Each structure stands twice: as structure tokens, then as C-alpha cells.
């Protein structure tokens, strides 16, 4: 969705600052919630979801070696998007340190994924010319395709 928002911002339908601000804020809030779930209910979460518990040892070892990189980068790690902040919450990382690094990571994440959409829009315009006459159909097709992929994976 953020890539599509970046594309919509490039085409002038959304305000780029609003896209980045909302994405950064919501990414930050989401990871803060998961961190505090891990902090307050970590043992129960690990018992309830063994798949997350299976990753705990690996994530804790990584955190011990490189707290800053792991906290900033966990949102980019496939399979750890939700489990990562929960597992970090079960570690000895301070809440303030996590919040600061989480904020930095959220801004980077928003810029990268919205930037991908922006760059795609620029590239499509460079290659295909002005698409204003068909762009709504293209947006609709991308959304339908994304929905189909999501439903098939479910």
C-alpha cells in the first residue's frame, strides 16, 4: 500500500509529505505496540505462538551483537515484521532506546517504500509517456492484482 501511495504522490493525487508522515507515524506506533506486547506479555506470547518462540534465540543473539542495526532494520526483515518488535520487547533493550531507533527506522522505511512507488511512477512516465488518460485504469488493475495475490496467499 505504501508503494502505491508513493506512486499516487508522484502523480499528484496525494501530498508526498503527508504520505511520509502518516506512514512513518503508523509504522512507529505499530512497532511500539508490538514492543510493549513483548515487554509485558513476552513469555505468554512465546508459549502461544511457537513459530515466534523458534526465532527468539536467533533474534536475541543478533540484538546482543548489533542493537542499533537490528532495531532499525527489523521492519525490513521478511518474517520478522511483527515478531521482531515482540522479541525485542522480551530482550534487555531499554524502552527509550527502542523508541528512538524505532522512530529512525520508521522514517527510513517510509522513505524507501514510498520512494519505490515514486521511482516507479517516474520510470513509467519516462518509458511510456503521459499516462493520464489511462492511469485510473492502471491504478485499479494494480489494486485488483494485489487483492488477488493477497486472497490466493490466504
N, C-alpha and C. Protein backbone atom coordinates (compact mmCIF):
# COMPACT_ATOMS: atom_id res chain seq x y z
N UNK A 1 0.81 -1.20 0.00
CA UNK A 1 0.00 0.00 0.00
C UNK A 1 0.86 1.27 0.00
N UNK A 2 1.98 1.21 0.73
CA UNK A 2 2.84 2.38 0.78
C UNK A 2 3.48 2.66 -0.58
N UNK A 3 3.82 1.62 -1.30
CA UNK A 3 4.37 1.80 -2.65
C UNK A 3 3.32 2.48 -3.53
N UNK A 4 2.08 2.03 -3.43
CA UNK A 4 1.01 2.66 -4.22
C UNK A 4 0.78 4.11 -3.78
N UNK A 5 0.89 4.37 -2.49
CA UNK A 5 0.76 5.76 -2.01
C UNK A 5 1.88 6.62 -2.57
N UNK A 6 3.09 6.08 -2.63
CA UNK A 6 4.21 6.81 -3.23
C UNK A 6 3.96 7.10 -4.70
N UNK A 7 3.41 6.13 -5.39
CA UNK A 7 3.06 6.32 -6.80
C UNK A 7 1.97 7.39 -6.94
N UNK A 8 0.97 7.33 -6.08
CA UNK A 8 -0.11 8.34 -6.12
C UNK A 8 0.44 9.73 -5.81
N UNK A 9 1.40 9.81 -4.90
CA UNK A 9 2.03 11.10 -4.59
C UNK A 9 2.81 11.62 -5.79
N UNK A 10 3.49 10.73 -6.48
CA UNK A 10 4.26 11.15 -7.66
C UNK A 10 3.33 11.67 -8.74
N UNK A 11 2.15 11.08 -8.84
CA UNK A 11 1.19 11.50 -9.87
C UNK A 11 0.40 12.73 -9.43
N UNK A 12 0.59 13.20 -8.19
CA UNK A 12 -0.09 14.40 -7.73
C UNK A 12 -1.41 14.17 -7.02
N UNK A 13 -1.77 12.94 -6.74
CA UNK A 13 -3.04 12.64 -6.08
C UNK A 13 -2.94 12.74 -4.55
N UNK A 14 -1.75 12.52 -4.01
CA UNK A 14 -1.54 12.62 -2.57
C UNK A 14 -0.37 13.54 -2.30
N UNK A 15 -0.38 14.15 -1.14
CA UNK A 15 0.71 15.02 -0.72
C UNK A 15 1.88 14.15 -0.25
N UNK A 16 3.06 14.28 -0.87
CA UNK A 16 4.20 13.44 -0.50
C UNK A 16 4.57 13.55 0.98
N UNK A 17 4.52 14.74 1.54
CA UNK A 17 4.85 14.91 2.96
C UNK A 17 3.84 14.18 3.84
N UNK A 18 2.57 14.22 3.45
CA UNK A 18 1.55 13.50 4.22
C UNK A 18 1.75 11.99 4.13
N UNK A 19 2.09 11.50 2.94
CA UNK A 19 2.34 10.07 2.78
C UNK A 19 3.47 9.63 3.70
N UNK A 20 4.58 10.36 3.67
CA UNK A 20 5.73 10.00 4.51
C UNK A 20 5.41 10.17 5.99
N UNK A 21 4.72 11.23 6.33
CA UNK A 21 4.38 11.47 7.74
C UNK A 21 3.45 10.41 8.30
N UNK A 22 2.41 10.09 7.57
CA UNK A 22 1.45 9.08 8.04
C UNK A 22 2.10 7.71 8.10
N UNK A 23 2.84 7.34 7.07
CA UNK A 23 3.50 6.02 7.05
C UNK A 23 4.52 5.91 8.18
N UNK A 24 5.32 6.93 8.39
CA UNK A 24 6.31 6.91 9.46
C UNK A 24 5.64 6.80 10.82
N UNK A 25 4.62 7.60 11.03
CA UNK A 25 3.92 7.61 12.31
C UNK A 25 3.26 6.26 12.59
N UNK A 26 2.56 5.74 11.61
CA UNK A 26 1.86 4.47 11.83
C UNK A 26 2.83 3.30 11.96
N UNK A 27 3.92 3.32 11.19
CA UNK A 27 4.93 2.29 11.35
C UNK A 27 5.56 2.34 12.74
N UNK A 28 5.82 3.54 13.23
CA UNK A 28 6.37 3.72 14.57
C UNK A 28 5.39 3.20 15.63
N UNK A 29 4.13 3.62 15.54
CA UNK A 29 3.14 3.23 16.54
C UNK A 29 2.94 1.71 16.54
N UNK A 30 2.86 1.11 15.37
CA UNK A 30 2.68 -0.33 15.29
C UNK A 30 3.80 -1.09 15.98
N UNK A 31 5.04 -0.71 15.69
CA UNK A 31 6.16 -1.41 16.31
C UNK A 31 6.25 -1.13 17.81
N UNK A 32 5.84 0.07 18.24
CA UNK A 32 5.81 0.35 19.67
C UNK A 32 4.82 -0.57 20.38
N UNK A 33 3.65 -0.75 19.77
CA UNK A 33 2.65 -1.64 20.35
C UNK A 33 3.20 -3.05 20.47
N UNK A 34 3.82 -3.55 19.40
CA UNK A 34 4.37 -4.91 19.44
C UNK A 34 5.50 -5.02 20.45
N UNK A 35 6.33 -3.99 20.57
CA UNK A 35 7.40 -3.98 21.57
C UNK A 35 6.81 -4.12 22.97
N UNK A 36 5.77 -3.34 23.26
CA UNK A 36 5.19 -3.38 24.60
C UNK A 36 4.43 -4.67 24.86
N UNK A 37 3.88 -5.27 23.82
CA UNK A 37 3.29 -6.61 23.99
C UNK A 37 4.38 -7.58 24.41
N UNK A 38 5.53 -7.52 23.73
CA UNK A 38 6.65 -8.37 24.11
C UNK A 38 7.17 -8.07 25.50
N UNK A 39 7.23 -6.81 25.86
CA UNK A 39 7.74 -6.41 27.17
C UNK A 39 6.82 -6.90 28.29
N UNK A 40 5.51 -6.74 28.10
CA UNK A 40 4.56 -7.08 29.16
C UNK A 40 4.11 -8.53 29.15
N UNK A 41 4.02 -9.12 27.96
CA UNK A 41 3.44 -10.46 27.84
C UNK A 41 4.33 -11.40 27.04
N UNK A 42 5.63 -11.15 27.05
CA UNK A 42 6.55 -11.91 26.20
C UNK A 42 6.49 -13.41 26.40
N UNK A 43 6.51 -13.86 27.65
CA UNK A 43 6.50 -15.31 27.91
C UNK A 43 5.21 -15.95 27.41
N UNK A 44 4.09 -15.29 27.63
CA UNK A 44 2.80 -15.82 27.18
C UNK A 44 2.73 -15.86 25.65
N UNK A 45 3.26 -14.81 25.01
CA UNK A 45 3.26 -14.76 23.54
C UNK A 45 4.11 -15.91 22.99
N UNK A 46 5.27 -16.12 23.58
CA UNK A 46 6.15 -17.18 23.10
C UNK A 46 5.52 -18.56 23.30
N UNK A 47 4.77 -18.75 24.38
CA UNK A 47 4.07 -20.03 24.58
C UNK A 47 2.93 -20.19 23.58
N UNK A 48 2.25 -19.09 23.30
CA UNK A 48 1.08 -19.14 22.42
C UNK A 48 1.46 -19.35 20.96
N UNK A 49 2.56 -18.73 20.52
CA UNK A 49 3.00 -18.84 19.14
C UNK A 49 4.40 -19.42 19.07
N UNK A 50 4.50 -20.73 18.96
CA UNK A 50 5.81 -21.38 18.91
C UNK A 50 6.66 -20.94 17.72
N UNK A 51 6.02 -20.48 16.64
CA UNK A 51 6.80 -20.02 15.49
C UNK A 51 7.60 -18.77 15.84
N UNK A 52 7.04 -17.92 16.67
CA UNK A 52 7.78 -16.74 17.14
C UNK A 52 8.86 -17.18 18.13
N UNK A 53 8.50 -18.10 19.01
CA UNK A 53 9.47 -18.59 20.00
C UNK A 53 10.67 -19.23 19.32
N UNK A 54 10.45 -19.87 18.18
CA UNK A 54 11.54 -20.52 17.47
C UNK A 54 12.57 -19.50 16.97
N UNK A 55 12.14 -18.29 16.75
CA UNK A 55 13.04 -17.24 16.26
C UNK A 55 13.71 -16.46 17.40
N UNK A 56 13.25 -16.68 18.61
CA UNK A 56 13.70 -15.87 19.76
C UNK A 56 15.21 -15.95 19.97
N UNK A 57 15.76 -17.14 19.97
CA UNK A 57 17.19 -17.29 20.21
C UNK A 57 18.03 -16.57 19.18
N UNK A 58 17.66 -16.72 17.93
CA UNK A 58 18.40 -16.06 16.85
C UNK A 58 18.30 -14.54 16.94
N UNK A 59 17.11 -14.04 17.21
CA UNK A 59 16.92 -12.60 17.30
C UNK A 59 17.66 -12.03 18.51
N UNK A 60 17.59 -12.70 19.66
CA UNK A 60 18.31 -12.22 20.85
C UNK A 60 19.82 -12.21 20.63
N UNK A 61 20.33 -13.21 19.94
CA UNK A 61 21.77 -13.23 19.64
C UNK A 61 22.14 -12.06 18.72
N UNK A 62 21.30 -11.78 17.74
CA UNK A 62 21.55 -10.65 16.85
C UNK A 62 21.47 -9.32 17.60
N UNK A 63 20.51 -9.21 18.50
CA UNK A 63 20.36 -7.98 19.28
C UNK A 63 21.60 -7.74 20.13
N UNK A 64 22.13 -8.78 20.73
CA UNK A 64 23.33 -8.63 21.56
C UNK A 64 24.51 -8.12 20.74
N UNK A 65 24.61 -8.55 19.50
CA UNK A 65 25.73 -8.13 18.65
C UNK A 65 25.55 -6.74 18.06
N UNK A 66 24.31 -6.38 17.71
CA UNK A 66 24.11 -5.12 16.99
C UNK A 66 22.70 -4.57 17.25
N UNK A 67 22.50 -4.00 18.42
CA UNK A 67 21.17 -3.48 18.79
C UNK A 67 20.66 -2.45 17.78
N UNK A 68 21.49 -1.49 17.46
CA UNK A 68 21.06 -0.39 16.59
C UNK A 68 20.61 -0.92 15.23
N UNK A 69 21.43 -1.71 14.61
CA UNK A 69 21.10 -2.23 13.28
C UNK A 69 19.87 -3.12 13.28
N UNK A 70 19.73 -3.94 14.31
CA UNK A 70 18.57 -4.83 14.38
C UNK A 70 17.28 -4.05 14.59
N UNK A 71 17.31 -3.10 15.50
CA UNK A 71 16.08 -2.35 15.79
C UNK A 71 15.66 -1.53 14.57
N UNK A 72 16.60 -0.90 13.91
CA UNK A 72 16.26 -0.11 12.72
C UNK A 72 15.86 -1.02 11.57
N UNK A 73 16.54 -2.13 11.41
CA UNK A 73 16.34 -2.98 10.24
C UNK A 73 15.29 -4.05 10.36
N UNK A 74 14.76 -4.31 11.55
CA UNK A 74 13.84 -5.44 11.71
C UNK A 74 12.58 -5.27 10.86
N UNK A 75 12.18 -4.07 10.60
CA UNK A 75 10.97 -3.85 9.80
C UNK A 75 11.19 -4.23 8.34
N UNK A 76 12.43 -4.38 7.92
CA UNK A 76 12.73 -4.78 6.55
C UNK A 76 12.93 -6.29 6.41
N UNK A 77 12.96 -7.01 7.53
CA UNK A 77 13.26 -8.45 7.53
C UNK A 77 11.97 -9.25 7.32
N UNK A 78 11.90 -9.93 6.21
CA UNK A 78 10.73 -10.75 5.91
C UNK A 78 10.57 -11.82 6.99
N UNK A 79 9.38 -11.94 7.51
CA UNK A 79 9.10 -12.93 8.53
C UNK A 79 9.30 -12.41 9.95
N UNK A 80 9.90 -11.25 10.10
CA UNK A 80 10.11 -10.69 11.43
C UNK A 80 9.41 -9.34 11.61
N UNK A 81 8.57 -8.97 10.68
CA UNK A 81 7.94 -7.65 10.73
C UNK A 81 7.15 -7.45 12.01
N UNK A 82 6.41 -8.45 12.44
CA UNK A 82 5.64 -8.36 13.68
C UNK A 82 6.39 -9.04 14.82
N UNK A 83 6.96 -10.19 14.53
CA UNK A 83 7.66 -10.95 15.59
C UNK A 83 8.89 -10.20 16.09
N UNK A 84 9.56 -9.47 15.23
CA UNK A 84 10.79 -8.78 15.62
C UNK A 84 10.60 -7.83 16.79
N UNK A 85 9.68 -6.86 16.69
CA UNK A 85 9.47 -5.96 17.82
C UNK A 85 9.00 -6.68 19.09
N UNK A 86 8.21 -7.74 18.93
CA UNK A 86 7.79 -8.51 20.11
C UNK A 86 9.01 -9.14 20.76
N UNK A 87 9.87 -9.74 19.96
CA UNK A 87 11.07 -10.38 20.51
C UNK A 87 12.04 -9.35 21.09
N UNK A 88 12.13 -8.19 20.47
CA UNK A 88 12.98 -7.13 21.04
C UNK A 88 12.42 -6.71 22.39
N UNK A 89 11.09 -6.69 22.50
CA UNK A 89 10.46 -6.37 23.78
C UNK A 89 10.79 -7.37 24.87
N UNK A 90 11.08 -8.61 24.51
CA UNK A 90 11.45 -9.62 25.50
C UNK A 90 12.93 -9.55 25.87
N UNK A 91 13.68 -8.69 25.20
CA UNK A 91 15.12 -8.57 25.47
C UNK A 91 15.38 -7.48 26.50
N UNK A 92 16.65 -7.21 26.73
CA UNK A 92 17.05 -6.19 27.72
C UNK A 92 17.16 -4.79 27.12
N UNK A 93 16.76 -4.59 25.89
CA UNK A 93 16.82 -3.27 25.25
C UNK A 93 15.90 -2.32 26.02
N UNK A 94 16.40 -1.12 26.35
CA UNK A 94 15.57 -0.15 27.08
C UNK A 94 14.46 0.37 26.18
N UNK A 95 13.35 0.74 26.80
CA UNK A 95 12.20 1.25 26.06
C UNK A 95 12.54 2.55 25.33
N UNK A 96 13.32 3.42 25.97
CA UNK A 96 13.70 4.68 25.32
C UNK A 96 14.57 4.43 24.10
N UNK A 97 15.56 3.55 24.24
CA UNK A 97 16.44 3.23 23.11
C UNK A 97 15.63 2.66 21.95
N UNK A 98 14.71 1.74 22.28
CA UNK A 98 13.89 1.17 21.22
C UNK A 98 13.05 2.25 20.54
N UNK A 99 12.44 3.14 21.31
CA UNK A 99 11.58 4.18 20.73
C UNK A 99 12.35 5.08 19.78
N UNK A 100 13.54 5.50 20.18
CA UNK A 100 14.34 6.39 19.33
C UNK A 100 14.75 5.67 18.04
N UNK A 101 15.27 4.45 18.18
CA UNK A 101 15.71 3.71 17.00
C UNK A 101 14.53 3.28 16.14
N UNK A 102 13.41 2.99 16.76
CA UNK A 102 12.20 2.64 16.03
C UNK A 102 11.73 3.84 15.20
N UNK A 103 11.80 5.04 15.75
CA UNK A 103 11.41 6.24 15.01
C UNK A 103 12.30 6.43 13.79
N UNK A 104 13.59 6.25 13.97
CA UNK A 104 14.53 6.38 12.85
C UNK A 104 14.22 5.33 11.79
N UNK A 105 14.01 4.09 12.22
CA UNK A 105 13.69 3.01 11.29
C UNK A 105 12.39 3.25 10.56
N UNK A 106 11.40 3.79 11.24
CA UNK A 106 10.10 4.05 10.61
C UNK A 106 10.22 5.10 9.50
N UNK A 107 11.01 6.13 9.74
CA UNK A 107 11.21 7.17 8.72
C UNK A 107 11.96 6.60 7.51
N UNK A 108 13.00 5.82 7.77
CA UNK A 108 13.75 5.20 6.67
C UNK A 108 12.85 4.28 5.87
N UNK A 109 12.08 3.45 6.57
CA UNK A 109 11.17 2.51 5.92
C UNK A 109 10.16 3.25 5.05
N UNK A 110 9.55 4.31 5.58
CA UNK A 110 8.56 5.06 4.82
C UNK A 110 9.19 5.68 3.58
N UNK A 111 10.37 6.24 3.73
CA UNK A 111 11.05 6.86 2.58
C UNK A 111 11.40 5.83 1.51
N UNK A 112 11.88 4.67 1.93
CA UNK A 112 12.27 3.63 0.97
C UNK A 112 11.06 3.13 0.19
N UNK A 113 9.98 2.74 0.88
CA UNK A 113 8.86 2.13 0.18
C UNK A 113 8.03 3.15 -0.59
N UNK A 114 7.83 4.34 -0.05
CA UNK A 114 7.15 5.38 -0.82
C UNK A 114 8.03 5.80 -2.00
N UNK A 115 9.35 5.82 -1.78
CA UNK A 115 10.29 6.16 -2.84
C UNK A 115 10.26 5.16 -3.99
N UNK A 116 10.04 3.90 -3.67
CA UNK A 116 9.92 2.88 -4.72
C UNK A 116 8.72 3.21 -5.61
N UNK A 117 7.60 3.55 -5.00
CA UNK A 117 6.42 3.92 -5.76
C UNK A 117 6.65 5.18 -6.59
N UNK A 118 7.32 6.16 -5.99
CA UNK A 118 7.63 7.41 -6.69
C UNK A 118 8.52 7.11 -7.89
N UNK A 119 9.57 6.32 -7.68
CA UNK A 119 10.51 5.99 -8.76
C UNK A 119 9.81 5.19 -9.86
N UNK A 120 8.91 4.28 -9.48
CA UNK A 120 8.17 3.53 -10.48
C UNK A 120 7.33 4.47 -11.34
N UNK A 121 6.70 5.44 -10.71
CA UNK A 121 5.90 6.42 -11.47
C UNK A 121 6.76 7.22 -12.43
N UNK A 122 7.93 7.64 -11.95
CA UNK A 122 8.85 8.39 -12.81
C UNK A 122 9.31 7.53 -13.99
N UNK A 123 9.67 6.29 -13.69
CA UNK A 123 10.15 5.39 -14.74
C UNK A 123 9.06 5.10 -15.76
N UNK A 124 7.86 4.85 -15.28
CA UNK A 124 6.75 4.55 -16.20
C UNK A 124 6.47 5.75 -17.10
N UNK A 125 6.53 6.93 -16.52
CA UNK A 125 6.30 8.13 -17.31
C UNK A 125 7.41 8.34 -18.34
N UNK A 126 8.64 8.05 -17.98
CA UNK A 126 9.76 8.19 -18.90
C UNK A 126 9.66 7.20 -20.05
N UNK A 127 9.25 5.98 -19.75
CA UNK A 127 9.20 4.94 -20.77
C UNK A 127 7.93 5.02 -21.60
N UNK A 128 6.80 5.25 -20.94
CA UNK A 128 5.51 5.17 -21.62
C UNK A 128 4.91 6.52 -21.97
N UNK A 129 5.51 7.60 -21.52
CA UNK A 129 4.96 8.92 -21.78
C UNK A 129 3.87 9.28 -20.80
N UNK A 130 3.07 10.26 -21.15
CA UNK A 130 2.00 10.72 -20.27
C UNK A 130 0.87 9.68 -20.24
N UNK A 131 0.59 9.18 -19.06
CA UNK A 131 -0.42 8.13 -18.91
C UNK A 131 -1.70 8.64 -18.26
N UNK A 132 -1.89 9.93 -18.23
CA UNK A 132 -3.04 10.48 -17.52
C UNK A 132 -4.37 9.91 -18.04
N UNK A 133 -4.44 9.61 -19.31
CA UNK A 133 -5.70 9.13 -19.87
C UNK A 133 -6.02 7.68 -19.47
N UNK A 134 -5.03 6.91 -19.00
CA UNK A 134 -5.29 5.52 -18.59
C UNK A 134 -4.86 5.23 -17.15
N UNK A 135 -4.38 6.23 -16.45
CA UNK A 135 -3.79 5.95 -15.14
C UNK A 135 -4.80 5.42 -14.12
N UNK A 136 -6.05 5.84 -14.16
CA UNK A 136 -7.03 5.32 -13.21
C UNK A 136 -7.28 3.84 -13.47
N UNK A 137 -7.28 3.44 -14.74
CA UNK A 137 -7.43 2.02 -15.05
C UNK A 137 -6.22 1.23 -14.57
N UNK A 138 -5.05 1.82 -14.71
CA UNK A 138 -3.84 1.14 -14.23
C UNK A 138 -3.84 1.01 -12.71
N UNK A 139 -4.24 2.07 -12.01
CA UNK A 139 -4.35 2.00 -10.55
C UNK A 139 -5.32 0.90 -10.14
N UNK A 140 -6.47 0.87 -10.79
CA UNK A 140 -7.47 -0.14 -10.48
C UNK A 140 -6.92 -1.54 -10.73
N UNK A 141 -6.21 -1.72 -11.84
CA UNK A 141 -5.64 -3.03 -12.16
C UNK A 141 -4.62 -3.46 -11.12
N UNK A 142 -3.79 -2.54 -10.66
CA UNK A 142 -2.79 -2.86 -9.64
C UNK A 142 -3.47 -3.25 -8.33
N UNK A 143 -4.51 -2.52 -7.95
CA UNK A 143 -5.22 -2.83 -6.72
C UNK A 143 -5.92 -4.19 -6.82
N UNK A 144 -6.55 -4.47 -7.95
CA UNK A 144 -7.20 -5.77 -8.15
C UNK A 144 -6.16 -6.88 -8.13
N UNK A 145 -5.02 -6.68 -8.78
CA UNK A 145 -3.96 -7.68 -8.78
C UNK A 145 -3.44 -7.93 -7.36
N UNK A 146 -3.24 -6.86 -6.60
CA UNK A 146 -2.77 -7.01 -5.22
C UNK A 146 -3.79 -7.77 -4.39
N UNK A 147 -5.07 -7.49 -4.58
CA UNK A 147 -6.12 -8.18 -3.85
C UNK A 147 -6.16 -9.66 -4.20
N UNK A 148 -5.97 -9.97 -5.48
CA UNK A 148 -5.96 -11.37 -5.92
C UNK A 148 -4.77 -12.11 -5.30
N UNK A 149 -3.61 -11.50 -5.33
CA UNK A 149 -2.42 -12.12 -4.73
C UNK A 149 -2.65 -12.34 -3.25
N UNK A 150 -3.22 -11.36 -2.56
CA UNK A 150 -3.49 -11.48 -1.14
C UNK A 150 -4.47 -12.62 -0.86
N UNK A 151 -5.54 -12.70 -1.66
CA UNK A 151 -6.53 -13.76 -1.46
C UNK A 151 -5.95 -15.14 -1.75
N UNK A 152 -5.14 -15.26 -2.79
CA UNK A 152 -4.54 -16.55 -3.12
C UNK A 152 -3.60 -17.00 -2.01
N UNK A 153 -2.81 -16.08 -1.47
CA UNK A 153 -1.89 -16.42 -0.38
C UNK A 153 -2.63 -16.80 0.90
N UNK A 154 -3.78 -16.21 1.11
CA UNK A 154 -4.59 -16.53 2.28
C UNK A 154 -5.18 -17.89 2.16
